[in-house]
Every structure is written in structure tokens, then in C-alpha cells.
Amino acid sequence: VNDVLAPARDVVAAVVRPIGNAVSSFTDE
């Protein structure tokens, strides 16, 4: 199941990571 979900997890992480970085950036600024 992990193997099946891995591509989906990668897609979700790719979408969520910039949002998290942006929030962190706004906080740091």
C-alpha cells in the first residue's frame, strides 16, 4: 500500500510544502 501511495504522498507534499514555507516566510518577515 505504501508503494501505491508514495506518488500521491509526493504530490501532496509538493503542494503543501510551498504553502508551509510561505507561512514561515511571512512569520519570519
mmCIF file of all heavy atoms, coordinates in Angstrom:
data_MODEL
# 
_entry.id   MODEL 
# 
loop_
_atom_site.group_PDB 
_atom_site.id 
_atom_site.type_symbol 
_atom_site.label_atom_id 
_atom_site.label_alt_id 
_atom_site.label_comp_id 
_atom_site.label_asym_id 
_atom_site.label_entity_id 
_atom_site.label_seq_id 
_atom_site.pdbx_PDB_ins_code 
_atom_site.Cartn_x 
_atom_site.Cartn_y 
_atom_site.Cartn_z 
_atom_site.occupancy 
_atom_site.B_iso_or_equiv 
_atom_site.pdbx_formal_charge 
_atom_site.auth_seq_id 
_atom_site.auth_comp_id 
_atom_site.auth_asym_id 
_atom_site.auth_atom_id 
_atom_site.pdbx_PDB_model_num 
ATOM 1   N N   . VAL A 1 1  ? 0.848  -1.209 0.000  1.00 0.00 ? 1  VAL A N   1 
ATOM 2   C CA  . VAL A 1 1  ? 0.000  0.000  0.000  1.00 0.00 ? 1  VAL A CA  1 
ATOM 3   C C   . VAL A 1 1  ? 0.872  1.244  0.000  1.00 0.00 ? 1  VAL A C   1 
ATOM 4   O O   . VAL A 1 1  ? 0.590  2.236  -0.664 1.00 0.00 ? 1  VAL A O   1 
ATOM 5   C CB  . VAL A 1 1  ? -0.941 -0.013 1.220  1.00 0.00 ? 1  VAL A CB  1 
ATOM 6   C CG1 . VAL A 1 1  ? -1.710 1.321  1.316  1.00 0.00 ? 1  VAL A CG1 1 
ATOM 7   C CG2 . VAL A 1 1  ? -1.923 -1.175 1.115  1.00 0.00 ? 1  VAL A CG2 1 
ATOM 8   N N   . ASN A 1 2  ? 1.982  1.170  0.787  1.00 0.00 ? 2  ASN A N   1 
ATOM 9   C CA  . ASN A 1 2  ? 2.919  2.314  0.814  1.00 0.00 ? 2  ASN A CA  1 
ATOM 10  C C   . ASN A 1 2  ? 3.447  2.620  -0.570 1.00 0.00 ? 2  ASN A C   1 
ATOM 11  O O   . ASN A 1 2  ? 3.594  3.784  -0.965 1.00 0.00 ? 2  ASN A O   1 
ATOM 12  C CB  . ASN A 1 2  ? 4.090  2.015  1.753  1.00 0.00 ? 2  ASN A CB  1 
ATOM 13  C CG  . ASN A 1 2  ? 3.806  2.518  3.163  1.00 0.00 ? 2  ASN A CG  1 
ATOM 14  O OD1 . ASN A 1 2  ? 3.069  3.471  3.330  1.00 0.00 ? 2  ASN A OD1 1 
ATOM 15  N ND2 . ASN A 1 2  ? 4.391  1.850  4.145  1.00 0.00 ? 2  ASN A ND2 1 
ATOM 16  N N   . ASP A 1 3  ? 3.770  1.559  -1.308 1.00 0.00 ? 3  ASP A N   1 
ATOM 17  C CA  . ASP A 1 3  ? 4.284  1.755  -2.651 1.00 0.00 ? 3  ASP A CA  1 
ATOM 18  C C   . ASP A 1 3  ? 3.251  2.430  -3.548 1.00 0.00 ? 3  ASP A C   1 
ATOM 19  O O   . ASP A 1 3  ? 3.578  3.280  -4.390 1.00 0.00 ? 3  ASP A O   1 
ATOM 20  C CB  . ASP A 1 3  ? 4.708  0.417  -3.272 1.00 0.00 ? 3  ASP A CB  1 
ATOM 21  C CG  . ASP A 1 3  ? 5.938  -0.154 -2.569 1.00 0.00 ? 3  ASP A CG  1 
ATOM 22  O OD1 . ASP A 1 3  ? 6.638  0.647  -1.901 1.00 0.00 ? 3  ASP A OD1 1 
ATOM 23  O OD2 . ASP A 1 3  ? 6.183  -1.370 -2.674 1.00 0.00 ? 3  ASP A OD2 1 
ATOM 24  N N   . VAL A 1 4  ? 2.001  2.034  -3.350 1.00 0.00 ? 4  VAL A N   1 
ATOM 25  C CA  . VAL A 1 4  ? 0.935  2.624  -4.169 1.00 0.00 ? 4  VAL A CA  1 
ATOM 26  C C   . VAL A 1 4  ? 0.724  4.088  -3.825 1.00 0.00 ? 4  VAL A C   1 
ATOM 27  O O   . VAL A 1 4  ? 0.509  4.940  -4.679 1.00 0.00 ? 4  VAL A O   1 
ATOM 28  C CB  . VAL A 1 4  ? -0.381 1.832  -3.973 1.00 0.00 ? 4  VAL A CB  1 
ATOM 29  C CG1 . VAL A 1 4  ? -1.541 2.549  -4.680 1.00 0.00 ? 4  VAL A CG1 1 
ATOM 30  C CG2 . VAL A 1 4  ? -0.217 0.410  -4.518 1.00 0.00 ? 4  VAL A CG2 1 
ATOM 31  N N   . LEU A 1 5  ? 0.812  4.366  -2.499 1.00 0.00 ? 5  LEU A N   1 
ATOM 32  C CA  . LEU A 1 5  ? 0.530  5.736  -2.047 1.00 0.00 ? 5  LEU A CA  1 
ATOM 33  C C   . LEU A 1 5  ? 1.701  6.682  -2.221 1.00 0.00 ? 5  LEU A C   1 
ATOM 34  O O   . LEU A 1 5  ? 1.537  7.902  -2.135 1.00 0.00 ? 5  LEU A O   1 
ATOM 35  C CB  . LEU A 1 5  ? 0.136  5.716  -0.557 1.00 0.00 ? 5  LEU A CB  1 
ATOM 36  C CG  . LEU A 1 5  ? -1.233 5.108  -0.224 1.00 0.00 ? 5  LEU A CG  1 
ATOM 37  C CD1 . LEU A 1 5  ? -1.442 5.133  1.274  1.00 0.00 ? 5  LEU A CD1 1 
ATOM 38  C CD2 . LEU A 1 5  ? -2.345 5.861  -0.935 1.00 0.00 ? 5  LEU A CD2 1 
ATOM 39  N N   . ALA A 1 6  ? 2.882  6.153  -2.412 1.00 0.00 ? 6  ALA A N   1 
ATOM 40  C CA  . ALA A 1 6  ? 4.071  7.017  -2.453 1.00 0.00 ? 6  ALA A CA  1 
ATOM 41  C C   . ALA A 1 6  ? 3.953  8.151  -3.465 1.00 0.00 ? 6  ALA A C   1 
ATOM 42  O O   . ALA A 1 6  ? 4.219  9.311  -3.146 1.00 0.00 ? 6  ALA A O   1 
ATOM 43  C CB  . ALA A 1 6  ? 5.314  6.165  -2.736 1.00 0.00 ? 6  ALA A CB  1 
ATOM 44  N N   . PRO A 1 7  ? 3.548  7.880  -4.730 1.00 0.00 ? 7  PRO A N   1 
ATOM 45  C CA  . PRO A 1 7  ? 3.424  9.004  -5.684 1.00 0.00 ? 7  PRO A CA  1 
ATOM 46  C C   . PRO A 1 7  ? 2.426  10.054 -5.222 1.00 0.00 ? 7  PRO A C   1 
ATOM 47  O O   . PRO A 1 7  ? 2.630  11.252 -5.365 1.00 0.00 ? 7  PRO A O   1 
ATOM 48  C CB  . PRO A 1 7  ? 2.969  8.327  -6.975 1.00 0.00 ? 7  PRO A CB  1 
ATOM 49  C CG  . PRO A 1 7  ? 3.426  6.905  -6.834 1.00 0.00 ? 7  PRO A CG  1 
ATOM 50  C CD  . PRO A 1 7  ? 3.272  6.575  -5.375 1.00 0.00 ? 7  PRO A CD  1 
ATOM 51  N N   . ALA A 1 8  ? 1.313  9.581  -4.636 1.00 0.00 ? 8  ALA A N   1 
ATOM 52  C CA  . ALA A 1 8  ? 0.294  10.539 -4.173 1.00 0.00 ? 8  ALA A CA  1 
ATOM 53  C C   . ALA A 1 8  ? 0.834  11.384 -3.036 1.00 0.00 ? 8  ALA A C   1 
ATOM 54  O O   . ALA A 1 8  ? 0.596  12.591 -2.960 1.00 0.00 ? 8  ALA A O   1 
ATOM 55  C CB  . ALA A 1 8  ? -0.958 9.776  -3.735 1.00 0.00 ? 8  ALA A CB  1 
ATOM 56  N N   . ARG A 1 9  ? 1.579  10.717 -2.110 1.00 0.00 ? 9  ARG A N   1 
ATOM 57  C CA  . ARG A 1 9  ? 2.164  11.453 -0.979 1.00 0.00 ? 9  ARG A CA  1 
ATOM 58  C C   . ARG A 1 9  ? 3.139  12.511 -1.481 1.00 0.00 ? 9  ARG A C   1 
ATOM 59  O O   . ARG A 1 9  ? 3.214  13.624 -0.954 1.00 0.00 ? 9  ARG A O   1 
ATOM 60  C CB  . ARG A 1 9  ? 2.874  10.497 -0.033 1.00 0.00 ? 9  ARG A CB  1 
ATOM 61  C CG  . ARG A 1 9  ? 1.939  9.720  0.860  1.00 0.00 ? 9  ARG A CG  1 
ATOM 62  C CD  . ARG A 1 9  ? 2.678  9.219  2.101  1.00 0.00 ? 9  ARG A CD  1 
ATOM 63  N NE  . ARG A 1 9  ? 3.914  8.523  1.754  1.00 0.00 ? 9  ARG A NE  1 
ATOM 64  C CZ  . ARG A 1 9  ? 4.005  7.209  1.540  1.00 0.00 ? 9  ARG A CZ  1 
ATOM 65  N NH1 . ARG A 1 9  ? 2.928  6.457  1.653  1.00 0.00 ? 9  ARG A NH1 1 
ATOM 66  N NH2 . ARG A 1 9  ? 5.152  6.672  1.225  1.00 0.00 ? 9  ARG A NH2 1 
ATOM 67  N N   . ASP A 1 10 ? 3.884  12.132 -2.508 1.00 0.00 ? 10 ASP A N   1 
ATOM 68  C CA  . ASP A 1 10 ? 4.851  13.088 -3.053 1.00 0.00 ? 10 ASP A CA  1 
ATOM 69  C C   . ASP A 1 10 ? 4.148  14.310 -3.646 1.00 0.00 ? 10 ASP A C   1 
ATOM 70  O O   . ASP A 1 10 ? 4.606  15.445 -3.502 1.00 0.00 ? 10 ASP A O   1 
ATOM 71  C CB  . ASP A 1 10 ? 5.708  12.417 -4.132 1.00 0.00 ? 10 ASP A CB  1 
ATOM 72  C CG  . ASP A 1 10 ? 6.630  11.362 -3.522 1.00 0.00 ? 10 ASP A CG  1 
ATOM 73  O OD1 . ASP A 1 10 ? 6.833  11.415 -2.286 1.00 0.00 ? 10 ASP A OD1 1 
ATOM 74  O OD2 . ASP A 1 10 ? 7.126  10.510 -4.282 1.00 0.00 ? 10 ASP A OD2 1 
ATOM 75  N N   . VAL A 1 11 ? 3.018  14.035 -4.340 1.00 0.00 ? 11 VAL A N   1 
ATOM 76  C CA  . VAL A 1 11 ? 2.260  15.150 -4.929 1.00 0.00 ? 11 VAL A CA  1 
ATOM 77  C C   . VAL A 1 11 ? 1.724  16.056 -3.845 1.00 0.00 ? 11 VAL A C   1 
ATOM 78  O O   . VAL A 1 11 ? 1.815  17.288 -3.910 1.00 0.00 ? 11 VAL A O   1 
ATOM 79  C CB  . VAL A 1 11 ? 1.117  14.615 -5.816 1.00 0.00 ? 11 VAL A CB  1 
ATOM 80  C CG1 . VAL A 1 11 ? 0.197  15.773 -6.251 1.00 0.00 ? 11 VAL A CG1 1 
ATOM 81  C CG2 . VAL A 1 11 ? 1.675  13.900 -7.027 1.00 0.00 ? 11 VAL A CG2 1 
ATOM 82  N N   . VAL A 1 12 ? 1.132  15.455 -2.803 1.00 0.00 ? 12 VAL A N   1 
ATOM 83  C CA  . VAL A 1 12 ? 0.569  16.243 -1.691 1.00 0.00 ? 12 VAL A CA  1 
ATOM 84  C C   . VAL A 1 12 ? 1.663  17.060 -1.018 1.00 0.00 ? 12 VAL A C   1 
ATOM 85  O O   . VAL A 1 12 ? 1.498  18.230 -0.705 1.00 0.00 ? 12 VAL A O   1 
ATOM 86  C CB  . VAL A 1 12 ? -0.142 15.323 -0.689 1.00 0.00 ? 12 VAL A CB  1 
ATOM 87  C CG1 . VAL A 1 12 ? -0.559 16.116 0.549  1.00 0.00 ? 12 VAL A CG1 1 
ATOM 88  C CG2 . VAL A 1 12 ? -1.355 14.683 -1.347 1.00 0.00 ? 12 VAL A CG2 1 
ATOM 89  N N   . ALA A 1 13 ? 2.824  16.419 -0.783 1.00 0.00 ? 13 ALA A N   1 
ATOM 90  C CA  . ALA A 1 13 ? 3.935  17.117 -0.125 1.00 0.00 ? 13 ALA A CA  1 
ATOM 91  C C   . ALA A 1 13 ? 4.413  18.292 -0.969 1.00 0.00 ? 13 ALA A C   1 
ATOM 92  O O   . ALA A 1 13 ? 4.744  19.354 -0.458 1.00 0.00 ? 13 ALA A O   1 
ATOM 93  C CB  . ALA A 1 13 ? 5.085  16.149 0.130  1.00 0.00 ? 13 ALA A CB  1 
ATOM 94  N N   . ALA A 1 14 ? 4.452  18.072 -2.295 1.00 0.00 ? 14 ALA A N   1 
ATOM 95  C CA  . ALA A 1 14 ? 4.906  19.140 -3.189 1.00 0.00 ? 14 ALA A CA  1 
ATOM 96  C C   . ALA A 1 14 ? 3.962  20.331 -3.147 1.00 0.00 ? 14 ALA A C   1 
ATOM 97  O O   . ALA A 1 14 ? 4.372  21.479 -3.302 1.00 0.00 ? 14 ALA A O   1 
ATOM 98  C CB  . ALA A 1 14 ? 5.014  18.607 -4.617 1.00 0.00 ? 14 ALA A CB  1 
ATOM 99  N N   . VAL A 1 15 ? 2.672  20.052 -2.956 1.00 0.00 ? 15 VAL A N   1 
ATOM 100 C CA  . VAL A 1 15 ? 1.690  21.142 -2.888 1.00 0.00 ? 15 VAL A CA  1 
ATOM 101 C C   . VAL A 1 15 ? 1.740  21.840 -1.542 1.00 0.00 ? 15 VAL A C   1 
ATOM 102 O O   . VAL A 1 15 ? 1.693  23.055 -1.437 1.00 0.00 ? 15 VAL A O   1 
ATOM 103 C CB  . VAL A 1 15 ? 0.273  20.586 -3.166 1.00 0.00 ? 15 VAL A CB  1 
ATOM 104 C CG1 . VAL A 1 15 ? -0.773 21.668 -2.913 1.00 0.00 ? 15 VAL A CG1 1 
ATOM 105 C CG2 . VAL A 1 15 ? 0.181  20.063 -4.584 1.00 0.00 ? 15 VAL A CG2 1 
ATOM 106 N N   . VAL A 1 16 ? 1.834  21.055 -0.473 1.00 0.00 ? 16 VAL A N   1 
ATOM 107 C CA  . VAL A 1 16 ? 1.750  21.598 0.884  1.00 0.00 ? 16 VAL A CA  1 
ATOM 108 C C   . VAL A 1 16 ? 3.032  22.322 1.280  1.00 0.00 ? 16 VAL A C   1 
ATOM 109 O O   . VAL A 1 16 ? 3.006  23.339 1.963  1.00 0.00 ? 16 VAL A O   1 
ATOM 110 C CB  . VAL A 1 16 ? 1.437  20.469 1.883  1.00 0.00 ? 16 VAL A CB  1 
ATOM 111 C CG1 . VAL A 1 16 ? 1.514  20.992 3.315  1.00 0.00 ? 16 VAL A CG1 1 
ATOM 112 C CG2 . VAL A 1 16 ? 0.066  19.899 1.600  1.00 0.00 ? 16 VAL A CG2 1 
ATOM 113 N N   . ARG A 1 17 ? 4.205  21.777 0.841  1.00 0.00 ? 17 ARG A N   1 
ATOM 114 C CA  . ARG A 1 17 ? 5.491  22.346 1.281  1.00 0.00 ? 17 ARG A CA  1 
ATOM 115 C C   . ARG A 1 17 ? 5.616  23.844 0.962  1.00 0.00 ? 17 ARG A C   1 
ATOM 116 O O   . ARG A 1 17 ? 6.007  24.629 1.819  1.00 0.00 ? 17 ARG A O   1 
ATOM 117 C CB  . ARG A 1 17 ? 6.647  21.575 0.640  1.00 0.00 ? 17 ARG A CB  1 
ATOM 118 C CG  . ARG A 1 17 ? 8.016  22.005 1.200  1.00 0.00 ? 17 ARG A CG  1 
ATOM 119 C CD  . ARG A 1 17 ? 9.139  21.214 0.561  1.00 0.00 ? 17 ARG A CD  1 
ATOM 120 N NE  . ARG A 1 17 ? 9.012  19.780 0.816  1.00 0.00 ? 17 ARG A NE  1 
ATOM 121 C CZ  . ARG A 1 17 ? 8.705  18.872 -0.119 1.00 0.00 ? 17 ARG A CZ  1 
ATOM 122 N NH1 . ARG A 1 17 ? 8.498  19.265 -1.369 1.00 0.00 ? 17 ARG A NH1 1 
ATOM 123 N NH2 . ARG A 1 17 ? 8.609  17.611 0.188  1.00 0.00 ? 17 ARG A NH2 1 
ATOM 124 N N   . PRO A 1 18 ? 5.320  24.305 -0.303 1.00 0.00 ? 18 PRO A N   1 
ATOM 125 C CA  . PRO A 1 18 ? 5.428  25.750 -0.573 1.00 0.00 ? 18 PRO A CA  1 
ATOM 126 C C   . PRO A 1 18 ? 4.519  26.594 0.312  1.00 0.00 ? 18 PRO A C   1 
ATOM 127 O O   . PRO A 1 18 ? 4.858  27.687 0.709  1.00 0.00 ? 18 PRO A O   1 
ATOM 128 C CB  . PRO A 1 18 ? 5.022  25.879 -2.034 1.00 0.00 ? 18 PRO A CB  1 
ATOM 129 C CG  . PRO A 1 18 ? 5.283  24.530 -2.616 1.00 0.00 ? 18 PRO A CG  1 
ATOM 130 C CD  . PRO A 1 18 ? 4.962  23.553 -1.521 1.00 0.00 ? 18 PRO A CD  1 
ATOM 131 N N   . ILE A 1 19 ? 3.320  26.054 0.608  1.00 0.00 ? 19 ILE A N   1 
ATOM 132 C CA  . ILE A 1 19 ? 2.405  26.795 1.482  1.00 0.00 ? 19 ILE A CA  1 
ATOM 133 C C   . ILE A 1 19 ? 3.008  26.964 2.862  1.00 0.00 ? 19 ILE A C   1 
ATOM 134 O O   . ILE A 1 19 ? 2.997  28.040 3.459  1.00 0.00 ? 19 ILE A O   1 
ATOM 135 C CB  . ILE A 1 19 ? 1.042  26.080 1.563  1.00 0.00 ? 19 ILE A CB  1 
ATOM 136 C CG1 . ILE A 1 19 ? 0.395  26.038 0.180  1.00 0.00 ? 19 ILE A CG1 1 
ATOM 137 C CG2 . ILE A 1 19 ? 0.131  26.767 2.571  1.00 0.00 ? 19 ILE A CG2 1 
ATOM 138 C CD1 . ILE A 1 19 ? -0.890 25.238 0.139  1.00 0.00 ? 19 ILE A CD1 1 
ATOM 139 N N   . GLY A 1 20 ? 3.604  25.864 3.391  1.00 0.00 ? 20 GLY A N   1 
ATOM 140 C CA  . GLY A 1 20 ? 4.249  25.934 4.699  1.00 0.00 ? 20 GLY A CA  1 
ATOM 141 C C   . GLY A 1 20 ? 5.421  26.894 4.701  1.00 0.00 ? 20 GLY A C   1 
ATOM 142 O O   . GLY A 1 20 ? 5.608  27.676 5.636  1.00 0.00 ? 20 GLY A O   1 
ATOM 143 N N   . ASN A 1 21 ? 6.204  26.839 3.608  1.00 0.00 ? 21 ASN A N   1 
ATOM 144 C CA  . ASN A 1 21 ? 7.351  27.752 3.516  1.00 0.00 ? 21 ASN A CA  1 
ATOM 145 C C   . ASN A 1 21 ? 6.893  29.201 3.449  1.00 0.00 ? 21 ASN A C   1 
ATOM 146 O O   . ASN A 1 21 ? 7.518  30.097 4.026  1.00 0.00 ? 21 ASN A O   1 
ATOM 147 C CB  . ASN A 1 21 ? 8.190  27.415 2.282  1.00 0.00 ? 21 ASN A CB  1 
ATOM 148 C CG  . ASN A 1 21 ? 8.914  26.084 2.418  1.00 0.00 ? 21 ASN A CG  1 
ATOM 149 O OD1 . ASN A 1 21 ? 9.102  25.595 3.537  1.00 0.00 ? 21 ASN A OD1 1 
ATOM 150 N ND2 . ASN A 1 21 ? 9.302  25.496 1.303  1.00 0.00 ? 21 ASN A ND2 1 
ATOM 151 N N   . ALA A 1 22 ? 5.807  29.439 2.713  1.00 0.00 ? 22 ALA A N   1 
ATOM 152 C CA  . ALA A 1 22 ? 5.303  30.805 2.588  1.00 0.00 ? 22 ALA A CA  1 
ATOM 153 C C   . ALA A 1 22 ? 4.831  31.324 3.936  1.00 0.00 ? 22 ALA A C   1 
ATOM 154 O O   . ALA A 1 22 ? 5.103  32.458 4.315  1.00 0.00 ? 22 ALA A O   1 
ATOM 155 C CB  . ALA A 1 22 ? 4.158  30.858 1.572  1.00 0.00 ? 22 ALA A CB  1 
ATOM 156 N N   . VAL A 1 23 ? 4.102  30.469 4.669  1.00 0.00 ? 23 VAL A N   1 
ATOM 157 C CA  . VAL A 1 23 ? 3.635  30.875 6.005  1.00 0.00 ? 23 VAL A CA  1 
ATOM 158 C C   . VAL A 1 23 ? 4.819  31.184 6.905  1.00 0.00 ? 23 VAL A C   1 
ATOM 159 O O   . VAL A 1 23 ? 4.854  32.184 7.624  1.00 0.00 ? 23 VAL A O   1 
ATOM 160 C CB  . VAL A 1 23 ? 2.750  29.779 6.619  1.00 0.00 ? 23 VAL A CB  1 
ATOM 161 C CG1 . VAL A 1 23 ? 2.426  30.118 8.078  1.00 0.00 ? 23 VAL A CG1 1 
ATOM 162 C CG2 . VAL A 1 23 ? 1.467  29.630 5.820  1.00 0.00 ? 23 VAL A CG2 1 
ATOM 163 N N   . SER A 1 24 ? 5.834  30.291 6.859  1.00 0.00 ? 24 SER A N   1 
ATOM 164 C CA  . SER A 1 24 ? 7.034  30.514 7.676  1.00 0.00 ? 24 SER A CA  1 
ATOM 165 C C   . SER A 1 24 ? 7.738  31.794 7.272  1.00 0.00 ? 24 SER A C   1 
ATOM 166 O O   . SER A 1 24 ? 8.218  32.555 8.106  1.00 0.00 ? 24 SER A O   1 
ATOM 167 C CB  . SER A 1 24 ? 7.979  29.323 7.526  1.00 0.00 ? 24 SER A CB  1 
ATOM 168 O OG  . SER A 1 24 ? 9.179  29.567 8.241  1.00 0.00 ? 24 SER A OG  1 
ATOM 169 N N   . SER A 1 25 ? 7.783  32.034 5.925  1.00 0.00 ? 25 SER A N   1 
ATOM 170 C CA  . SER A 1 25 ? 8.444  33.238 5.430  1.00 0.00 ? 25 SER A CA  1 
ATOM 171 C C   . SER A 1 25 ? 7.735  34.493 5.920  1.00 0.00 ? 25 SER A C   1 
ATOM 172 O O   . SER A 1 25 ? 8.366  35.460 6.350  1.00 0.00 ? 25 SER A O   1 
ATOM 173 C CB  . SER A 1 25 ? 8.477  33.221 3.904  1.00 0.00 ? 25 SER A CB  1 
ATOM 174 O OG  . SER A 1 25 ? 9.014  34.431 3.402  1.00 0.00 ? 25 SER A OG  1 
ATOM 175 N N   . PHE A 1 26 ? 6.370  34.455 5.843  1.00 0.00 ? 26 PHE A N   1 
ATOM 176 C CA  . PHE A 1 26 ? 5.610  35.617 6.320  1.00 0.00 ? 26 PHE A CA  1 
ATOM 177 C C   . PHE A 1 26 ? 5.843  35.846 7.805  1.00 0.00 ? 26 PHE A C   1 
ATOM 178 O O   . PHE A 1 26 ? 5.976  36.970 8.283  1.00 0.00 ? 26 PHE A O   1 
ATOM 179 C CB  . PHE A 1 26 ? 4.125  35.429 6.044  1.00 0.00 ? 26 PHE A CB  1 
ATOM 180 C CG  . PHE A 1 26 ? 3.750  35.618 4.608  1.00 0.00 ? 26 PHE A CG  1 
ATOM 181 C CD1 . PHE A 1 26 ? 2.938  34.716 3.949  1.00 0.00 ? 26 PHE A CD1 1 
ATOM 182 C CD2 . PHE A 1 26 ? 4.228  36.726 3.905  1.00 0.00 ? 26 PHE A CD2 1 
ATOM 183 C CE1 . PHE A 1 26 ? 2.600  34.897 2.633  1.00 0.00 ? 26 PHE A CE1 1 
ATOM 184 C CE2 . PHE A 1 26 ? 3.885  36.906 2.571  1.00 0.00 ? 26 PHE A CE2 1 
ATOM 185 C CZ  . PHE A 1 26 ? 3.078  35.992 1.931  1.00 0.00 ? 26 PHE A CZ  1 
ATOM 186 N N   . THR A 1 27 ? 5.896  34.772 8.566  1.00 0.00 ? 27 THR A N   1 
ATOM 187 C CA  . THR A 1 27 ? 6.123  34.885 10.008 1.00 0.00 ? 27 THR A CA  1 
ATOM 188 C C   . THR A 1 27 ? 7.495  35.466 10.292 1.00 0.00 ? 27 THR A C   1 
ATOM 189 O O   . THR A 1 27 ? 7.656  36.368 11.119 1.00 0.00 ? 27 THR A O   1 
ATOM 190 C CB  . THR A 1 27 ? 6.000  33.503 10.673 1.00 0.00 ? 27 THR A CB  1 
ATOM 191 O OG1 . THR A 1 27 ? 4.700  32.973 10.398 1.00 0.00 ? 27 THR A OG1 1 
ATOM 192 C CG2 . THR A 1 27 ? 6.175  33.625 12.178 1.00 0.00 ? 27 THR A CG2 1 
ATOM 193 N N   . ASP A 1 28 ? 8.530  34.927 9.580  1.00 0.00 ? 28 ASP A N   1 
ATOM 194 C CA  . ASP A 1 28 ? 9.894  35.431 9.767  1.00 0.00 ? 28 ASP A CA  1 
ATOM 195 C C   . ASP A 1 28 ? 9.995  36.900 9.374  1.00 0.00 ? 28 ASP A C   1 
ATOM 196 O O   . ASP A 1 28 ? 10.659 37.698 10.049 1.00 0.00 ? 28 ASP A O   1 
ATOM 197 C CB  . ASP A 1 28 ? 10.876 34.605 8.924  1.00 0.00 ? 28 ASP A CB  1 
ATOM 198 C CG  . ASP A 1 28 ? 11.001 33.177 9.461  1.00 0.00 ? 28 ASP A CG  1 
ATOM 199 O OD1 . ASP A 1 28 ? 10.584 32.957 10.613 1.00 0.00 ? 28 ASP A OD1 1 
ATOM 200 O OD2 . ASP A 1 28 ? 11.487 32.318 8.707  1.00 0.00 ? 28 ASP A OD2 1 
ATOM 201 N N   . GLU A 1 29 ? 9.329  37.271 8.259  1.00 0.00 ? 29 GLU A N   1 
ATOM 202 C CA  . GLU A 1 29 ? 9.389  38.660 7.806  1.00 0.00 ? 29 GLU A CA  1 
ATOM 203 C C   . GLU A 1 29 ? 8.760  39.593 8.833  1.00 0.00 ? 29 GLU A C   1 
ATOM 204 O O   . GLU A 1 29 ? 9.273  40.680 9.102  1.00 0.00 ? 29 GLU A O   1 
ATOM 205 C CB  . GLU A 1 29 ? 8.670  38.798 6.465  1.00 0.00 ? 29 GLU A CB  1 
ATOM 206 C CG  . GLU A 1 29 ? 8.771  40.217 5.878  1.00 0.00 ? 29 GLU A CG  1 
ATOM 207 C CD  . GLU A 1 29 ? 8.121  40.317 4.510  1.00 0.00 ? 29 GLU A CD  1 
ATOM 208 O OE1 . GLU A 1 29 ? 7.652  39.276 4.003  1.00 0.00 ? 29 GLU A OE1 1 
ATOM 209 O OE2 . GLU A 1 29 ? 8.086  41.434 3.974  1.00 0.00 ? 29 GLU A OE2 1 
# 
